[in-house]
Amino acid sequence: MRVFDFDGTIYDGESLFDLYLFSARYDMKVFRHLAPVLRYAVKYKLGKATLEQMEHGVGKVARRYLSDLSSSKGVDALRVSALNDAAKAGLGDDILAADASVVGADDLTGGLRSLVSAFWDRNMSKIKPWYEPRPDDVILTASFDVTVGEACRRLGVRRLIASTIDPATFEVTYLNFNTNKPKRLREVLGADAVIDEFYTDSAFDQPMIDMARKGFMVKGNAITRVK
């Protein structure tokens, strides 16, 4: 079994930050969150934030950001456009049913799903060329399942362990960061799960490297074995 960090490892960049900038195309008011987003992104990459600080800070920023999207006319227009395109393609009933099945057809959920889909239409090309998915691959990331999940679906990767958000309340229900990563992996895959190879771009993932039979550090497209 191979386990991969996502951002900076198989994705060339930080997908949550890229999605944040992408969403500004549809509503400029999300720029009010730029400073805290950058602050926590830098702290995360440098390993200078505790788990408690990240849980509190990221949770607060996520709630405000999603609240803005929930009232965004631009994001809702994207959702309606996606439904209209599906209807023209003869998929309208299926898409409408799927849209209504998530949190009572909540506009944010539908709009967010359309936003994420449009984002990956543009950004799947940022998946690094060296990564070739295998059936037993696992993506282990601090990013959120509602965003990275669509990339995994397109890659054919079925096992994703990520941070989670309750779309009905905007609450971060689990932050897959720091020591939460190996903890969550054991909960999902079992305490006896064997990691043959682990790939990351950050020394901050040392606990996961320690768990694996082989560990690899990724810088750009260069892969170096460190264990």
C-alpha atoms as a PDB file:
ATOM      1  CA  MET A   1       0.000   0.000   0.000  1.00  0.00           C
ATOM      2  CA  ARG A   2       1.274   3.449  -0.961  1.00  0.00           C
ATOM      3  CA  VAL A   3       0.233   6.537   1.000  1.00  0.00           C
ATOM      4  CA  PHE A   4       0.614  10.051  -0.417  1.00  0.00           C
ATOM      5  CA  ASP A   5       0.358  13.509   1.003  1.00  0.00           C
ATOM      6  CA  PHE A   6      -1.514  15.656  -1.531  1.00  0.00           C
ATOM      7  CA  ASP A   7      -0.546  19.341  -1.602  1.00  0.00           C
ATOM      8  CA  GLY A   8       3.018  19.899  -2.743  1.00  0.00           C
ATOM      9  CA  THR A   9       3.457  16.154  -3.182  1.00  0.00           C
ATOM     10  CA  ILE A  10       1.279  14.951  -6.026  1.00  0.00           C
ATOM     11  CA  TYR A  11      -0.416  18.338  -6.535  1.00  0.00           C
ATOM     12  CA  ASP A  12       1.850  21.168  -7.669  1.00  0.00           C
ATOM     13  CA  GLY A  13       0.852  23.795  -5.127  1.00  0.00           C
ATOM     14  CA  GLU A  14      -1.624  24.226  -2.287  1.00  0.00           C
ATOM     15  CA  SER A  15      -5.046  23.184  -3.539  1.00  0.00           C
ATOM     16  CA  LEU A  16      -7.056  24.915  -0.808  1.00  0.00           C
ATOM     17  CA  PHE A  17      -5.315  28.225  -1.427  1.00  0.00           C
ATOM     18  CA  ASP A  18      -5.722  27.787  -5.190  1.00  0.00           C
ATOM     19  CA  LEU A  19      -9.427  27.035  -4.697  1.00  0.00           C
ATOM     20  CA  TYR A  20      -9.756  30.105  -2.501  1.00  0.00           C
ATOM     21  CA  LEU A  21      -8.288  32.309  -5.256  1.00  0.00           C
ATOM     22  CA  PHE A  22     -10.422  30.535  -7.856  1.00  0.00           C
ATOM     23  CA  SER A  23     -13.594  31.235  -5.866  1.00  0.00           C
ATOM     24  CA  ALA A  24     -12.788  34.961  -5.981  1.00  0.00           C
ATOM     25  CA  ARG A  25     -13.678  34.811  -9.680  1.00  0.00           C
ATOM     26  CA  TYR A  26     -17.272  34.371  -8.582  1.00  0.00           C
ATOM     27  CA  ASP A  27     -17.339  36.562  -5.474  1.00  0.00           C
ATOM     28  CA  MET A  28     -14.668  39.139  -4.668  1.00  0.00           C
ATOM     29  CA  LYS A  29     -15.725  39.419  -1.037  1.00  0.00           C
ATOM     30  CA  VAL A  30     -13.823  36.207  -0.214  1.00  0.00           C
ATOM     31  CA  PHE A  31     -10.665  38.334  -0.392  1.00  0.00           C
ATOM     32  CA  ARG A  32     -11.491  39.553   3.109  1.00  0.00           C
ATOM     33  CA  HIS A  33     -10.138  36.181   4.292  1.00  0.00           C
ATOM     34  CA  LEU A  34      -6.815  36.501   2.453  1.00  0.00           C
ATOM     35  CA  ALA A  35      -4.667  37.517   5.439  1.00  0.00           C
ATOM     36  CA  PRO A  36      -5.761  34.703   7.807  1.00  0.00           C
ATOM     37  CA  VAL A  37      -5.640  32.126   5.013  1.00  0.00           C
ATOM     38  CA  LEU A  38      -2.050  33.086   4.201  1.00  0.00           C
ATOM     39  CA  ARG A  39      -1.082  33.190   7.876  1.00  0.00           C
ATOM     40  CA  TYR A  40      -2.299  29.689   8.638  1.00  0.00           C
ATOM     41  CA  ALA A  41      -0.948  28.296   5.355  1.00  0.00           C
ATOM     42  CA  VAL A  42       2.541  29.570   6.208  1.00  0.00           C
ATOM     43  CA  LYS A  43       2.343  28.318   9.798  1.00  0.00           C
ATOM     44  CA  TYR A  44       1.233  24.888   8.562  1.00  0.00           C
ATOM     45  CA  LYS A  45       4.010  24.532   5.983  1.00  0.00           C
ATOM     46  CA  LEU A  46       6.647  25.663   8.494  1.00  0.00           C
ATOM     47  CA  GLY A  47       5.295  23.492  11.294  1.00  0.00           C
ATOM     48  CA  LYS A  48       4.964  26.530  13.563  1.00  0.00           C
ATOM     49  CA  ALA A  49       1.359  26.014  14.628  1.00  0.00           C
ATOM     50  CA  THR A  50       0.099  23.597  17.246  1.00  0.00           C
ATOM     51  CA  LEU A  51      -2.779  21.270  16.513  1.00  0.00           C
ATOM     52  CA  GLU A  52      -5.001  23.296  18.843  1.00  0.00           C
ATOM     53  CA  GLN A  53      -4.104  26.571  17.099  1.00  0.00           C
ATOM     54  CA  MET A  54      -4.823  25.098  13.694  1.00  0.00           C
ATOM     55  CA  GLU A  55      -8.137  23.582  14.783  1.00  0.00           C
ATOM     56  CA  HIS A  56      -9.302  26.904  16.213  1.00  0.00           C
ATOM     57  CA  GLY A  57      -7.915  29.153  13.492  1.00  0.00           C
ATOM     58  CA  VAL A  58      -8.760  27.067  10.447  1.00  0.00           C
ATOM     59  CA  GLY A  59     -12.224  26.342  11.836  1.00  0.00           C
ATOM     60  CA  LYS A  60     -12.936  30.053  12.260  1.00  0.00           C
ATOM     61  CA  VAL A  61     -11.683  30.993   8.783  1.00  0.00           C
ATOM     62  CA  ALA A  62     -13.549  28.092   7.144  1.00  0.00           C
ATOM     63  CA  ARG A  63     -16.861  29.068   8.764  1.00  0.00           C
ATOM     64  CA  ARG A  64     -16.571  32.679   7.612  1.00  0.00           C
ATOM     65  CA  TYR A  65     -15.459  31.708   4.120  1.00  0.00           C
ATOM     66  CA  LEU A  66     -18.263  29.181   3.656  1.00  0.00           C
ATOM     67  CA  SER A  67     -20.787  31.641   5.076  1.00  0.00           C
ATOM     68  CA  ASP A  68     -19.775  34.102   2.362  1.00  0.00           C
ATOM     69  CA  LEU A  69     -20.161  31.421  -0.301  1.00  0.00           C
ATOM     70  CA  SER A  70     -23.590  30.457   1.041  1.00  0.00           C
ATOM     71  CA  SER A  71     -24.941  33.921   0.208  1.00  0.00           C
ATOM     72  CA  SER A  72     -22.948  34.395  -2.982  1.00  0.00           C
ATOM     73  CA  LYS A  73     -24.998  35.132  -6.077  1.00  0.00           C
ATOM     74  CA  GLY A  74     -21.980  34.365  -8.246  1.00  0.00           C
ATOM     75  CA  VAL A  75     -21.477  30.887  -6.791  1.00  0.00           C
ATOM     76  CA  ASP A  76     -25.195  30.144  -7.004  1.00  0.00           C
ATOM     77  CA  ALA A  77     -25.171  31.252 -10.641  1.00  0.00           C
ATOM     78  CA  LEU A  78     -22.385  28.740 -11.241  1.00  0.00           C
ATOM     79  CA  ARG A  79     -24.564  26.003  -9.726  1.00  0.00           C
ATOM     80  CA  VAL A  80     -27.517  26.956 -11.944  1.00  0.00           C
ATOM     81  CA  SER A  81     -25.267  27.087 -14.999  1.00  0.00           C
ATOM     82  CA  ALA A  82     -23.964  23.592 -14.224  1.00  0.00           C
ATOM     83  CA  LEU A  83     -27.520  22.280 -13.922  1.00  0.00           C
ATOM     84  CA  ASN A  84     -28.516  23.933 -17.203  1.00  0.00           C
ATOM     85  CA  ASP A  85     -25.505  22.432 -18.971  1.00  0.00           C
ATOM     86  CA  ALA A  86     -26.402  19.011 -17.572  1.00  0.00           C
ATOM     87  CA  ALA A  87     -29.996  19.398 -18.739  1.00  0.00           C
ATOM     88  CA  LYS A  88     -28.853  20.252 -22.256  1.00  0.00           C
ATOM     89  CA  ALA A  89     -26.720  17.111 -22.208  1.00  0.00           C
ATOM     90  CA  GLY A  90     -29.731  15.037 -21.172  1.00  0.00           C
ATOM     91  CA  LEU A  91     -28.483  14.561 -17.611  1.00  0.00           C
ATOM     92  CA  GLY A  92     -30.740  17.086 -15.905  1.00  0.00           C
ATOM     93  CA  ASP A  93     -32.869  14.693 -13.838  1.00  0.00           C
ATOM     94  CA  ASP A  94     -29.862  12.772 -12.554  1.00  0.00           C
ATOM     95  CA  ILE A  95     -27.974  15.939 -11.616  1.00  0.00           C
ATOM     96  CA  LEU A  96     -31.012  17.521  -9.987  1.00  0.00           C
ATOM     97  CA  ALA A  97     -31.586  14.383  -7.921  1.00  0.00           C
ATOM     98  CA  ALA A  98     -27.981  14.357  -6.794  1.00  0.00           C
ATOM     99  CA  ASP A  99     -28.139  18.064  -5.993  1.00  0.00           C
ATOM    100  CA  ALA A 100     -31.254  17.568  -3.882  1.00  0.00           C
ATOM    101  CA  SER A 101     -29.879  14.541  -2.059  1.00  0.00           C
ATOM    102  CA  VAL A 102     -27.150  16.481  -0.268  1.00  0.00           C
ATOM    103  CA  VAL A 103     -28.181  18.395   2.853  1.00  0.00           C
ATOM    104  CA  GLY A 104     -31.726  18.971   1.624  1.00  0.00           C
ATOM    105  CA  ALA A 105     -30.705  20.638  -1.633  1.00  0.00           C
ATOM    106  CA  ASP A 106     -28.857  23.311   0.355  1.00  0.00           C
ATOM    107  CA  ASP A 107     -27.699  26.028  -2.049  1.00  0.00           C
ATOM    108  CA  LEU A 108     -24.219  26.198  -0.547  1.00  0.00           C
ATOM    109  CA  THR A 109     -23.651  22.490  -1.011  1.00  0.00           C
ATOM    110  CA  GLY A 110     -24.795  22.591  -4.622  1.00  0.00           C
ATOM    111  CA  GLY A 111     -22.830  25.755  -5.292  1.00  0.00           C
ATOM    112  CA  LEU A 112     -19.734  24.440  -3.560  1.00  0.00           C
ATOM    113  CA  ARG A 113     -19.905  21.195  -5.498  1.00  0.00           C
ATOM    114  CA  SER A 114     -20.168  23.142  -8.775  1.00  0.00           C
ATOM    115  CA  LEU A 115     -17.309  25.416  -7.712  1.00  0.00           C
ATOM    116  CA  VAL A 116     -15.094  22.445  -6.856  1.00  0.00           C
ATOM    117  CA  SER A 117     -15.925  20.726 -10.144  1.00  0.00           C
ATOM    118  CA  ALA A 118     -15.101  23.865 -12.145  1.00  0.00           C
ATOM    119  CA  PHE A 119     -11.876  24.259 -10.164  1.00  0.00           C
ATOM    120  CA  TRP A 120     -10.693  20.747 -10.996  1.00  0.00           C
ATOM    121  CA  ASP A 121     -11.668  21.166 -14.647  1.00  0.00           C
ATOM    122  CA  ARG A 122      -8.985  23.835 -14.688  1.00  0.00           C
ATOM    123  CA  ASN A 123      -6.468  22.391 -12.219  1.00  0.00           C
ATOM    124  CA  MET A 124      -6.212  18.628 -12.806  1.00  0.00           C
ATOM    125  CA  SER A 125      -3.238  19.493 -14.990  1.00  0.00           C
ATOM    126  CA  LYS A 126      -1.390  20.413 -11.765  1.00  0.00           C
ATOM    127  CA  ILE A 127      -1.314  16.760 -10.700  1.00  0.00           C
ATOM    128  CA  LYS A 128       2.376  15.961 -11.111  1.00  0.00           C
ATOM    129  CA  PRO A 129       3.198  13.752 -14.111  1.00  0.00           C
ATOM    130  CA  TRP A 130       5.212  11.230 -12.095  1.00  0.00           C
ATOM    131  CA  TYR A 131       2.149  10.163 -10.091  1.00  0.00           C
ATOM    132  CA  GLU A 132       0.419   7.110 -11.563  1.00  0.00           C
ATOM    133  CA  PRO A 133      -2.550   5.983  -9.421  1.00  0.00           C
ATOM    134  CA  ARG A 134      -2.827   2.384  -8.234  1.00  0.00           C
ATOM    135  CA  PRO A 135      -5.935   0.634  -6.860  1.00  0.00           C
ATOM    136  CA  ASP A 136      -4.633   0.458  -3.281  1.00  0.00           C
ATOM    137  CA  ASP A 137      -3.275   4.035  -3.064  1.00  0.00           C
ATOM    138  CA  VAL A 138      -4.303   6.225  -0.125  1.00  0.00           C
ATOM    139  CA  ILE A 139      -4.320  10.020  -0.162  1.00  0.00           C
ATOM    140  CA  LEU A 140      -3.629  11.427   3.321  1.00  0.00           C
ATOM    141  CA  THR A 141      -4.042  15.189   3.494  1.00  0.00           C
ATOM    142  CA  ALA A 142      -4.813  18.136   5.738  1.00  0.00           C
ATOM    143  CA  SER A 143      -6.993  19.563   2.948  1.00  0.00           C
ATOM    144  CA  PHE A 144     -10.730  18.935   3.019  1.00  0.00           C
ATOM    145  CA  ASP A 145     -12.546  15.935   1.620  1.00  0.00           C
ATOM    146  CA  VAL A 146     -15.081  18.142  -0.190  1.00  0.00           C
ATOM    147  CA  THR A 147     -12.267  19.568  -2.338  1.00  0.00           C
ATOM    148  CA  VAL A 148      -9.640  16.834  -2.711  1.00  0.00           C
ATOM    149  CA  GLY A 149     -12.357  14.182  -3.012  1.00  0.00           C
ATOM    150  CA  GLU A 150     -13.244  15.348  -6.521  1.00  0.00           C
ATOM    151  CA  ALA A 151      -9.602  15.126  -7.622  1.00  0.00           C
ATOM    152  CA  CYS A 152      -9.396  11.602  -6.193  1.00  0.00           C
ATOM    153  CA  ARG A 153     -12.568  10.626  -8.036  1.00  0.00           C
ATOM    154  CA  ARG A 154     -11.073  11.801 -11.314  1.00  0.00           C
ATOM    155  CA  LEU A 155      -7.817   9.998 -10.579  1.00  0.00           C
ATOM    156  CA  GLY A 156      -9.624   6.787  -9.712  1.00  0.00           C
ATOM    157  CA  VAL A 157      -8.300   6.812  -6.130  1.00  0.00           C
ATOM    158  CA  ARG A 158     -10.964   5.485  -3.771  1.00  0.00           C
ATOM    159  CA  ARG A 159      -9.289   5.913  -0.399  1.00  0.00           C
ATOM    160  CA  LEU A 160      -9.009   9.456   0.905  1.00  0.00           C
ATOM    161  CA  ILE A 161      -8.240  10.428   4.499  1.00  0.00           C
ATOM    162  CA  ALA A 162      -8.711  14.176   4.835  1.00  0.00           C
ATOM    163  CA  SER A 163     -10.011  16.986   7.001  1.00  0.00           C
ATOM    164  CA  THR A 164     -13.801  17.177   7.063  1.00  0.00           C
ATOM    165  CA  ILE A 165     -16.451  19.906   7.189  1.00  0.00           C
ATOM    166  CA  ASP A 166     -20.132  19.593   8.067  1.00  0.00           C
ATOM    167  CA  PRO A 167     -21.779  21.434   5.108  1.00  0.00           C
ATOM    168  CA  ALA A 168     -24.916  22.080   7.157  1.00  0.00           C
ATOM    169  CA  THR A 169     -23.139  23.982   9.950  1.00  0.00           C
ATOM    170  CA  PHE A 170     -19.832  24.997   8.291  1.00  0.00           C
ATOM    171  CA  GLU A 171     -18.042  23.437  11.262  1.00  0.00           C
ATOM    172  CA  VAL A 172     -14.697  21.697  10.806  1.00  0.00           C
ATOM    173  CA  THR A 173     -15.459  18.245  12.189  1.00  0.00           C
ATOM    174  CA  TYR A 174     -11.940  16.852  11.861  1.00  0.00           C
ATOM    175  CA  LEU A 175      -8.621  18.483  11.043  1.00  0.00           C
ATOM    176  CA  ASN A 176      -6.259  15.906   9.574  1.00  0.00           C
ATOM    177  CA  PHE A 177      -3.131  17.750  10.656  1.00  0.00           C
ATOM    178  CA  ASN A 178       0.058  16.933  12.539  1.00  0.00           C
ATOM    179  CA  THR A 179      -0.373  13.953  14.894  1.00  0.00           C
ATOM    180  CA  ASN A 180      -3.974  13.564  13.731  1.00  0.00           C
ATOM    181  CA  LYS A 181      -2.681  12.115  10.442  1.00  0.00           C
ATOM    182  CA  PRO A 182      -1.296   8.791  11.764  1.00  0.00           C
ATOM    183  CA  LYS A 183      -4.099   8.638  14.317  1.00  0.00           C
ATOM    184  CA  ARG A 184      -6.795   8.957  11.660  1.00  0.00           C
ATOM    185  CA  LEU A 185      -5.042   6.552   9.296  1.00  0.00           C
ATOM    186  CA  ARG A 186      -5.034   3.848  11.982  1.00  0.00           C
ATOM    187  CA  GLU A 187      -8.703   4.493  12.731  1.00  0.00           C
ATOM    188  CA  VAL A 188      -9.680   4.161   9.072  1.00  0.00           C
ATOM    189  CA  LEU A 189      -7.351   1.392   7.891  1.00  0.00           C
ATOM    190  CA  GLY A 190      -6.737  -0.449  11.164  1.00  0.00           C
ATOM    191  CA  ALA A 191      -3.865  -0.495  13.632  1.00  0.00           C
ATOM    192  CA  ASP A 192      -2.153  -3.289  11.685  1.00  0.00           C
ATOM    193  CA  ALA A 193      -2.225  -1.517   8.309  1.00  0.00           C
ATOM    194  CA  VAL A 194       1.118  -1.836   6.522  1.00  0.00           C
ATOM    195  CA  ILE A 195       2.386   1.222   4.647  1.00  0.00           C
ATOM    196  CA  ASP A 196       4.866   0.049   2.047  1.00  0.00           C
ATOM    197  CA  GLU A 197       5.690   3.556   0.795  1.00  0.00           C
ATOM    198  CA  PHE A 198       4.915   7.049   2.045  1.00  0.00           C
ATOM    199  CA  TYR A 199       5.439  10.199  -0.037  1.00  0.00           C
ATOM    200  CA  THR A 200       5.456  13.789   1.251  1.00  0.00           C
ATOM    201  CA  ASP A 201       6.975  17.196   0.576  1.00  0.00           C
ATOM    202  CA  SER A 202       7.336  18.092   4.256  1.00  0.00           C
ATOM    203  CA  ALA A 203       9.590  16.918   7.066  1.00  0.00           C
ATOM    204  CA  PHE A 204       6.610  17.768   9.258  1.00  0.00           C
ATOM    205  CA  ASP A 205       5.221  14.366   8.193  1.00  0.00           C
ATOM    206  CA  GLN A 206       8.029  12.520   9.964  1.00  0.00           C
ATOM    207  CA  PRO A 207       5.557  10.444  12.069  1.00  0.00           C
ATOM    208  CA  MET A 208       4.146   9.013   8.835  1.00  0.00           C
ATOM    209  CA  ILE A 209       7.629   8.343   7.459  1.00  0.00           C
ATOM    210  CA  ASP A 210       8.419   6.462  10.669  1.00  0.00           C
ATOM    211  CA  MET A 211       5.333   4.276  10.157  1.00  0.00           C
ATOM    212  CA  ALA A 212       6.218   3.332   6.590  1.00  0.00           C
ATOM    213  CA  ARG A 213       8.623   0.681   5.334  1.00  0.00           C
ATOM    214  CA  LYS A 214       9.966   3.225   2.844  1.00  0.00           C
ATOM    215  CA  GLY A 215       9.735   7.011   2.997  1.00  0.00           C
ATOM    216  CA  PHE A 216      10.166   9.474   0.128  1.00  0.00           C
ATOM    217  CA  MET A 217      10.622  13.253   0.090  1.00  0.00           C
ATOM    218  CA  VAL A 218       9.185  15.057  -2.930  1.00  0.00           C
ATOM    219  CA  LYS A 219      10.498  18.395  -4.162  1.00  0.00           C
ATOM    220  CA  GLY A 220       8.898  19.420  -7.427  1.00  0.00           C
ATOM    221  CA  ASN A 221       9.201  16.321  -9.591  1.00  0.00           C
ATOM    222  CA  ALA A 222      12.312  15.065  -7.812  1.00  0.00           C
ATOM    223  CA  ILE A 223      11.746  12.132  -5.454  1.00  0.00           C
ATOM    224  CA  THR A 224      14.363  11.207  -2.854  1.00  0.00           C
ATOM    225  CA  ARG A 225      14.211   8.160  -0.623  1.00  0.00           C
ATOM    226  CA  VAL A 226      14.755   9.176   3.006  1.00  0.00           C
ATOM    227  CA  LYS A 227      14.033   5.837   4.630  1.00  0.00           C
END
